[in-house]
Amino acid sequence: MKCIHCQGNMKKGFAPLHIDRKGCHLTLDNVPAWVCSQCGEAYFEETEVNTVQELITIIDQKAQPLVANA
């Protein structure tokens, strides 16, 4: 698999993921990903994307009463 940015080789590894949404900041330090050995670009597979989307949904629901005017 080649990186779409630099054409470097992609290897299985881990990458951080940062999400800012409606006044909340979520940082996941080691998400499984394909990581470019040349430029460091990370690509996440469907399973990880779906899990992160579930986390965002839960955060949206639970944080709503805490975040003013979000």
N, C-alpha and C. Protein backbone atom coordinates (compact mmCIF):
# COMPACT_ATOMS: atom_id res chain seq x y z
N MET A 1 0.86 -1.18 0.00
CA MET A 1 0.00 0.00 0.00
C MET A 1 0.90 1.24 0.00
N LYS A 2 0.55 2.21 -0.82
CA LYS A 2 1.34 3.44 -0.95
C LYS A 2 0.57 4.63 -0.40
N CYS A 3 1.30 5.57 0.17
CA CYS A 3 0.73 6.82 0.68
C CYS A 3 0.26 7.68 -0.49
N ILE A 4 -0.94 8.24 -0.38
CA ILE A 4 -1.43 9.08 -1.48
C ILE A 4 -0.75 10.44 -1.51
N HIS A 5 -0.08 10.82 -0.42
CA HIS A 5 0.58 12.13 -0.38
C HIS A 5 1.99 12.09 -0.96
N CYS A 6 2.77 11.06 -0.57
CA CYS A 6 4.18 11.05 -0.98
C CYS A 6 4.61 9.75 -1.66
N GLN A 7 3.69 8.79 -1.77
CA GLN A 7 3.96 7.49 -2.37
C GLN A 7 4.90 6.62 -1.54
N GLY A 8 5.10 6.97 -0.27
CA GLY A 8 5.90 6.15 0.63
C GLY A 8 5.17 4.86 0.98
N ASN A 9 5.87 3.93 1.57
CA ASN A 9 5.27 2.65 1.97
C ASN A 9 4.50 2.80 3.26
N MET A 10 3.31 2.21 3.29
CA MET A 10 2.47 2.23 4.47
C MET A 10 2.72 0.97 5.28
N LYS A 11 2.84 1.13 6.60
CA LYS A 11 3.05 -0.01 7.49
C LYS A 11 2.04 0.05 8.62
N LYS A 12 1.63 -1.14 9.09
CA LYS A 12 0.73 -1.19 10.25
C LYS A 12 1.45 -0.62 11.45
N GLY A 13 0.74 0.21 12.20
CA GLY A 13 1.31 0.81 13.39
C GLY A 13 0.21 1.47 14.20
N PHE A 14 0.58 2.55 14.86
CA PHE A 14 -0.36 3.31 15.68
C PHE A 14 -0.13 4.79 15.44
N ALA A 15 -1.20 5.56 15.57
CA ALA A 15 -1.10 7.00 15.35
C ALA A 15 -2.03 7.72 16.32
N PRO A 16 -1.66 8.94 16.71
CA PRO A 16 -2.57 9.72 17.55
C PRO A 16 -3.72 10.27 16.70
N LEU A 17 -4.82 10.54 17.38
CA LEU A 17 -5.98 11.13 16.71
C LEU A 17 -6.55 12.19 17.63
N HIS A 18 -6.71 13.39 17.11
CA HIS A 18 -7.22 14.52 17.89
C HIS A 18 -8.51 15.01 17.26
N ILE A 19 -9.54 15.17 18.08
CA ILE A 19 -10.83 15.65 17.60
C ILE A 19 -11.28 16.80 18.48
N ASP A 20 -11.62 17.92 17.86
CA ASP A 20 -12.20 19.07 18.55
C ASP A 20 -13.63 19.20 18.06
N ARG A 21 -14.57 19.17 19.00
CA ARG A 21 -15.98 19.19 18.59
C ARG A 21 -16.83 19.81 19.69
N LYS A 22 -17.55 20.85 19.33
CA LYS A 22 -18.53 21.49 20.22
C LYS A 22 -17.97 21.75 21.61
N GLY A 23 -16.77 22.31 21.67
CA GLY A 23 -16.18 22.66 22.96
C GLY A 23 -15.50 21.52 23.68
N CYS A 24 -15.43 20.36 23.06
CA CYS A 24 -14.76 19.19 23.67
C CYS A 24 -13.53 18.85 22.84
N HIS A 25 -12.51 18.38 23.52
CA HIS A 25 -11.27 17.99 22.87
C HIS A 25 -10.98 16.54 23.25
N LEU A 26 -10.95 15.67 22.26
CA LEU A 26 -10.69 14.25 22.48
C LEU A 26 -9.34 13.91 21.86
N THR A 27 -8.47 13.29 22.64
CA THR A 27 -7.17 12.84 22.15
C THR A 27 -7.04 11.35 22.42
N LEU A 28 -6.80 10.62 21.37
CA LEU A 28 -6.53 9.18 21.46
C LEU A 28 -5.07 9.01 21.04
N ASP A 29 -4.26 8.46 21.92
CA ASP A 29 -2.81 8.43 21.68
C ASP A 29 -2.35 7.35 20.71
N ASN A 30 -2.94 6.18 20.75
CA ASN A 30 -2.43 5.05 19.97
C ASN A 30 -3.54 4.30 19.26
N VAL A 31 -4.05 4.88 18.19
CA VAL A 31 -5.11 4.24 17.41
C VAL A 31 -4.44 3.38 16.32
N PRO A 32 -4.85 2.12 16.18
CA PRO A 32 -4.29 1.31 15.10
C PRO A 32 -4.52 1.99 13.75
N ALA A 33 -3.47 2.00 12.92
CA ALA A 33 -3.55 2.70 11.64
C ALA A 33 -2.49 2.17 10.69
N TRP A 34 -2.66 2.53 9.43
CA TRP A 34 -1.59 2.38 8.45
C TRP A 34 -0.83 3.70 8.47
N VAL A 35 0.47 3.65 8.69
CA VAL A 35 1.28 4.86 8.83
C VAL A 35 2.37 4.86 7.75
N CYS A 36 2.49 6.00 7.08
CA CYS A 36 3.51 6.14 6.04
C CYS A 36 4.89 6.21 6.68
N SER A 37 5.80 5.35 6.21
CA SER A 37 7.15 5.34 6.76
C SER A 37 7.97 6.54 6.29
N GLN A 38 7.48 7.26 5.30
CA GLN A 38 8.22 8.41 4.77
C GLN A 38 7.73 9.73 5.36
N CYS A 39 6.40 10.00 5.32
CA CYS A 39 5.89 11.30 5.75
C CYS A 39 5.09 11.24 7.05
N GLY A 40 4.74 10.02 7.51
CA GLY A 40 4.01 9.88 8.77
C GLY A 40 2.50 10.00 8.66
N GLU A 41 1.99 10.19 7.46
CA GLU A 41 0.53 10.27 7.26
C GLU A 41 -0.12 8.97 7.75
N ALA A 42 -1.26 9.10 8.43
CA ALA A 42 -1.94 7.93 8.97
C ALA A 42 -3.28 7.73 8.29
N TYR A 43 -3.60 6.47 8.01
CA TYR A 43 -4.89 6.10 7.46
C TYR A 43 -5.52 5.09 8.42
N PHE A 44 -6.77 5.31 8.75
CA PHE A 44 -7.48 4.45 9.69
C PHE A 44 -8.44 3.55 8.93
N GLU A 45 -8.53 2.30 9.37
CA GLU A 45 -9.44 1.35 8.74
C GLU A 45 -10.86 1.56 9.26
N GLU A 46 -11.81 0.93 8.59
CA GLU A 46 -13.24 1.11 8.87
C GLU A 46 -13.59 0.82 10.33
N THR A 47 -13.03 -0.22 10.90
CA THR A 47 -13.33 -0.57 12.29
C THR A 47 -12.98 0.57 13.24
N GLU A 48 -11.79 1.14 13.05
CA GLU A 48 -11.36 2.23 13.92
C GLU A 48 -12.20 3.49 13.69
N VAL A 49 -12.52 3.77 12.43
CA VAL A 49 -13.35 4.94 12.11
C VAL A 49 -14.73 4.80 12.76
N ASN A 50 -15.32 3.62 12.66
CA ASN A 50 -16.63 3.40 13.25
C ASN A 50 -16.58 3.57 14.77
N THR A 51 -15.54 3.06 15.40
CA THR A 51 -15.40 3.19 16.85
C THR A 51 -15.26 4.65 17.25
N VAL A 52 -14.46 5.40 16.52
CA VAL A 52 -14.29 6.83 16.82
C VAL A 52 -15.60 7.57 16.62
N GLN A 53 -16.35 7.24 15.58
CA GLN A 53 -17.65 7.88 15.36
C GLN A 53 -18.61 7.58 16.51
N GLU A 54 -18.56 6.37 17.05
CA GLU A 54 -19.39 6.03 18.21
C GLU A 54 -18.98 6.87 19.42
N LEU A 55 -17.68 7.03 19.63
CA LEU A 55 -17.19 7.87 20.74
C LEU A 55 -17.69 9.31 20.59
N ILE A 56 -17.63 9.84 19.37
CA ILE A 56 -18.09 11.21 19.13
C ILE A 56 -19.57 11.34 19.44
N THR A 57 -20.36 10.36 19.04
CA THR A 57 -21.80 10.39 19.32
C THR A 57 -22.05 10.40 20.83
N ILE A 58 -21.34 9.55 21.55
CA ILE A 58 -21.50 9.50 23.01
C ILE A 58 -21.07 10.81 23.65
N ILE A 59 -19.95 11.36 23.20
CA ILE A 59 -19.48 12.64 23.75
C ILE A 59 -20.49 13.74 23.48
N ASP A 60 -21.04 13.78 22.26
CA ASP A 60 -22.06 14.77 21.93
C ASP A 60 -23.25 14.69 22.89
N GLN A 61 -23.70 13.47 23.16
CA GLN A 61 -24.86 13.28 24.03
C GLN A 61 -24.55 13.63 25.48
N LYS A 62 -23.43 13.15 25.99
CA LYS A 62 -23.10 13.32 27.40
C LYS A 62 -22.61 14.72 27.74
N ALA A 63 -21.94 15.37 26.80
CA ALA A 63 -21.36 16.69 27.08
C ALA A 63 -22.33 17.83 26.85
N GLN A 64 -23.42 17.59 26.17
CA GLN A 64 -24.36 18.66 25.83
C GLN A 64 -24.77 19.51 27.03
N PRO A 65 -25.12 18.92 28.19
CA PRO A 65 -25.50 19.77 29.33
C PRO A 65 -24.34 20.59 29.92
N LEU A 66 -23.11 20.21 29.60
CA LEU A 66 -21.94 20.88 30.17
C LEU A 66 -21.39 22.00 29.29
N VAL A 67 -21.73 21.98 28.01
CA VAL A 67 -21.14 22.92 27.07
C VAL A 67 -22.18 24.00 26.74
N ALA A 68 -21.89 25.22 27.13
CA ALA A 68 -22.80 26.34 26.87
C ALA A 68 -22.71 26.79 25.42
N ASN A 69 -23.86 26.96 24.77
CA ASN A 69 -23.96 27.49 23.41
C ASN A 69 -23.13 26.72 22.39
N ALA A 70 -23.09 25.43 22.51
CA ALA A 70 -22.30 24.64 21.54
C ALA A 70 -23.14 24.28 20.34
